[in-house]
Amino acid sequence: MPDNIKSDVVLNRPDILRAEAELQKTRIDVKLARRDFLPDINISGQFGFSANSLSKVFNWDSYIASVGGSIVETIFSGGQRFAWLKAKKYSYEGMLESYQKTILQSFQEVNDSLASLKFDTEKNTNSITRLNLERKNLELINSRYENGLISFFDTLQFKGNLASQEKQQAQSKTDCLVDTLSLYKAVGGNL
């Protein structure tokens, strides 16, 4: 497992990508609401030949061209447009805050998972060390028993200590595996 994770990995989480898409959609809605303030301009052009006799129909002297434009503006909907734009801007600001909150939560989840993994890995390493020491201690106890220095009851007590230490080591290993899965989930599967 890595000791640190680049922020690019965190920014590719599915929840962050979804929040970015929603933010982009809301941003486009604001642009469309702002565009509604512009007047509609229609430009039309015509050209052709106009002649009063058949012999001059396709003569360049009878060529006519015209370009025209019209501006259409709705006068009585200004207040509605301002309200619509303001609503879209507030919606965008809300989505921006939600996006920032999603990013902060994501970094917190990754940081918490990394911290738990480091702590439990160190705990597992210490547990393995203690387990190895208990095994060596049991070997010494067994040799003492064989030499008649201690009773069988004392050896059973040390065997119980070893079993307890093996159980703790198995639990600490399980904690490390769970923390690894938690980190994998926190980065969106991009380790």
Protein backbone atom coordinates (compact mmCIF):
# COMPACT_ATOMS: atom_id res chain seq x y z
CA MET A 1 0.00 0.00 0.00
CA PRO A 2 1.24 3.49 -0.78
CA ASP A 3 2.32 5.86 1.99
CA ASN A 4 0.66 8.77 0.21
CA ILE A 5 -1.83 9.20 -2.60
CA LYS A 6 -1.79 11.91 -5.26
CA SER A 7 -4.77 14.20 -5.40
CA ASP A 8 -5.36 13.31 -9.06
CA VAL A 9 -6.38 9.82 -7.97
CA VAL A 10 -8.90 11.23 -5.52
CA LEU A 11 -10.34 13.62 -8.10
CA ASN A 12 -11.25 10.67 -10.35
CA ARG A 13 -13.72 9.26 -7.82
CA PRO A 14 -17.19 8.64 -9.27
CA ASP A 15 -18.94 10.98 -6.81
CA ILE A 16 -16.59 13.84 -7.69
CA LEU A 17 -17.00 13.23 -11.43
CA ARG A 18 -20.80 13.22 -11.01
CA ALA A 19 -20.67 16.47 -9.01
CA GLU A 20 -18.48 18.04 -11.73
CA ALA A 21 -20.99 17.02 -14.41
CA GLU A 22 -23.89 18.51 -12.43
CA LEU A 23 -21.91 21.70 -11.86
CA GLN A 24 -21.16 21.96 -15.58
CA LYS A 25 -24.86 21.46 -16.43
CA THR A 26 -25.89 24.18 -13.99
CA ARG A 27 -23.22 26.48 -15.43
CA ILE A 28 -24.64 25.95 -18.91
CA ASP A 29 -28.13 26.76 -17.58
CA VAL A 30 -26.82 30.11 -16.28
CA LYS A 31 -25.30 30.87 -19.69
CA LEU A 32 -28.59 30.08 -21.40
CA ALA A 33 -30.53 32.28 -18.97
CA ARG A 34 -28.08 35.12 -19.60
CA ARG A 35 -28.42 34.62 -23.36
CA ASP A 36 -32.18 35.17 -23.07
CA PHE A 37 -31.47 38.87 -22.41
CA LEU A 38 -30.19 39.34 -25.96
CA PRO A 39 -32.74 40.38 -28.59
CA ASP A 40 -33.60 38.02 -31.42
CA ILE A 41 -32.15 39.33 -34.69
CA ASN A 42 -33.36 37.88 -37.97
CA ILE A 43 -31.42 38.71 -41.11
CA SER A 44 -32.91 37.94 -44.47
CA GLY A 45 -31.54 38.51 -47.91
CA GLN A 46 -33.09 38.34 -51.35
CA PHE A 47 -31.71 38.64 -54.79
CA GLY A 48 -33.05 38.13 -58.28
CA PHE A 49 -33.83 39.75 -61.57
CA SER A 50 -36.64 42.18 -62.17
CA ALA A 51 -37.55 43.31 -65.63
CA ASN A 52 -40.61 44.77 -67.31
CA SER A 53 -39.90 43.10 -70.66
CA LEU A 54 -38.98 39.56 -71.56
CA SER A 55 -35.79 40.57 -73.34
CA LYS A 56 -34.30 42.12 -70.19
CA VAL A 57 -35.17 39.30 -67.78
CA PHE A 58 -31.57 38.00 -67.36
CA ASN A 59 -29.77 41.26 -67.97
CA TRP A 60 -27.47 42.52 -65.19
CA ASP A 61 -29.13 45.90 -65.36
CA SER A 62 -32.27 44.31 -63.95
CA TYR A 63 -30.49 42.59 -61.02
CA ILE A 64 -31.99 43.38 -57.62
CA ALA A 65 -30.60 42.51 -54.20
CA SER A 66 -31.90 43.40 -50.79
CA VAL A 67 -30.81 42.69 -47.27
CA GLY A 68 -33.05 43.29 -44.34
CA GLY A 69 -33.01 42.74 -40.67
CA SER A 70 -35.50 42.72 -37.91
CA ILE A 71 -35.08 42.88 -34.18
CA VAL A 72 -37.67 41.20 -32.03
CA GLU A 73 -37.62 41.98 -28.35
CA THR A 74 -40.15 40.97 -25.79
CA ILE A 75 -40.81 44.07 -23.75
CA PHE A 76 -42.91 42.79 -20.88
CA SER A 77 -40.79 39.79 -19.81
CA GLY A 78 -37.76 41.60 -18.37
CA GLY A 79 -38.65 40.91 -14.74
CA GLN A 80 -39.25 37.25 -15.49
CA ARG A 81 -35.87 37.00 -17.20
CA PHE A 82 -34.08 38.65 -14.28
CA ALA A 83 -35.76 36.28 -11.84
CA TRP A 84 -34.91 33.29 -14.02
CA LEU A 85 -31.25 34.36 -14.26
CA LYS A 86 -31.04 34.98 -10.52
CA ALA A 87 -32.57 31.55 -9.79
CA LYS A 88 -30.06 29.87 -12.09
CA LYS A 89 -27.17 31.74 -10.46
CA TYR A 90 -28.32 30.68 -6.99
CA SER A 91 -28.66 27.12 -8.22
CA TYR A 92 -25.12 27.28 -9.60
CA GLU A 93 -23.75 28.65 -6.32
CA GLY A 94 -25.49 25.84 -4.44
CA MET A 95 -24.03 23.25 -6.79
CA LEU A 96 -20.58 24.82 -6.41
CA GLU A 97 -20.81 24.54 -2.62
CA SER A 98 -22.01 20.95 -2.95
CA TYR A 99 -19.07 20.19 -5.26
CA GLN A 100 -16.59 21.68 -2.81
CA LYS A 101 -18.17 19.69 0.04
CA THR A 102 -17.90 16.49 -2.00
CA ILE A 103 -14.20 17.13 -2.64
CA LEU A 104 -13.51 17.81 1.03
CA GLN A 105 -15.39 14.69 2.12
CA SER A 106 -13.47 12.63 -0.42
CA PHE A 107 -10.11 13.85 0.82
CA GLN A 108 -11.20 13.22 4.40
CA GLU A 109 -12.27 9.65 3.58
CA VAL A 110 -8.95 8.93 1.87
CA ASN A 111 -6.97 10.50 4.69
CA ASP A 112 -8.91 8.57 7.34
CA SER A 113 -8.44 5.31 5.43
CA LEU A 114 -4.72 5.91 5.04
CA ALA A 115 -4.32 6.76 8.72
CA SER A 116 -6.24 3.65 9.78
CA LEU A 117 -4.20 1.48 7.44
CA LYS A 118 -0.90 2.86 8.75
CA PHE A 119 -2.00 2.45 12.37
CA ASP A 120 -3.28 -1.09 11.87
CA THR A 121 -0.21 -2.09 9.83
CA GLU A 122 2.04 -0.97 12.67
CA LYS A 123 -0.21 -2.77 15.14
CA ASN A 124 0.01 -5.93 13.00
CA THR A 125 3.80 -5.69 12.85
CA ASN A 126 3.97 -5.38 16.64
CA SER A 127 1.56 -8.29 17.00
CA ILE A 128 3.76 -10.50 14.80
CA THR A 129 6.79 -9.54 16.88
CA ARG A 130 4.96 -10.43 20.12
CA LEU A 131 3.76 -13.71 18.59
CA ASN A 132 7.30 -14.69 17.64
CA LEU A 133 8.51 -13.82 21.16
CA GLU A 134 5.70 -15.95 22.68
CA ARG A 135 6.71 -18.89 20.46
CA LYS A 136 10.33 -18.61 21.60
CA ASN A 137 9.13 -18.32 25.20
CA LEU A 138 7.03 -21.47 24.78
CA GLU A 139 10.08 -23.34 23.48
CA LEU A 140 11.95 -22.31 26.63
CA ILE A 141 9.00 -23.34 28.81
CA ASN A 142 8.80 -26.73 27.08
CA SER A 143 12.53 -27.33 27.65
CA ARG A 144 12.10 -26.38 31.33
CA TYR A 145 9.18 -28.81 31.60
CA GLU A 146 11.23 -31.58 29.98
CA ASN A 147 14.01 -30.91 32.51
CA GLY A 148 11.47 -31.03 35.35
CA LEU A 149 11.87 -27.43 36.43
CA ILE A 150 8.19 -26.43 36.03
CA SER A 151 4.84 -28.21 36.16
CA PHE A 152 2.58 -29.19 33.27
CA PHE A 153 0.02 -26.62 34.46
CA ASP A 154 2.57 -23.83 33.86
CA THR A 155 3.13 -25.05 30.30
CA LEU A 156 -0.63 -25.02 29.67
CA GLN A 157 -0.80 -21.43 30.86
CA PHE A 158 1.92 -20.38 28.38
CA LYS A 159 0.21 -22.34 25.58
CA GLY A 160 -2.97 -20.37 26.37
CA ASN A 161 -0.98 -17.13 26.13
CA LEU A 162 0.34 -18.22 22.73
CA ALA A 163 -3.18 -19.05 21.49
CA SER A 164 -4.40 -15.66 22.70
CA GLN A 165 -1.52 -13.93 20.90
CA GLU A 166 -2.26 -15.87 17.67
CA LYS A 167 -5.88 -14.74 17.89
CA GLN A 168 -4.81 -11.08 18.33
CA GLN A 169 -2.45 -11.36 15.38
CA ALA A 170 -5.20 -12.82 13.19
CA GLN A 171 -7.51 -9.96 14.21
CA SER A 172 -4.86 -7.32 13.45
CA LYS A 173 -4.26 -8.90 10.04
CA THR A 174 -8.01 -8.82 9.37
CA ASP A 175 -8.08 -5.13 10.38
CA CYS A 176 -5.31 -4.42 7.86
CA LEU A 177 -7.26 -6.16 5.10
CA VAL A 178 -10.43 -4.24 5.95
CA ASP A 179 -8.46 -0.97 5.96
CA THR A 180 -6.98 -1.84 2.57
CA LEU A 181 -10.47 -2.38 1.14
CA SER A 182 -11.64 0.85 2.75
CA LEU A 183 -8.78 2.77 1.14
CA TYR A 184 -9.49 1.14 -2.21
CA LYS A 185 -13.11 2.24 -1.92
CA ALA A 186 -12.14 5.75 -0.78
CA VAL A 187 -10.02 6.37 -3.88
CA GLY A 188 -12.71 5.03 -6.17
CA GLY A 189 -10.76 1.91 -7.11
CA ASN A 190 -7.83 3.86 -8.60
CA LEU A 191 -4.81 2.67 -6.63
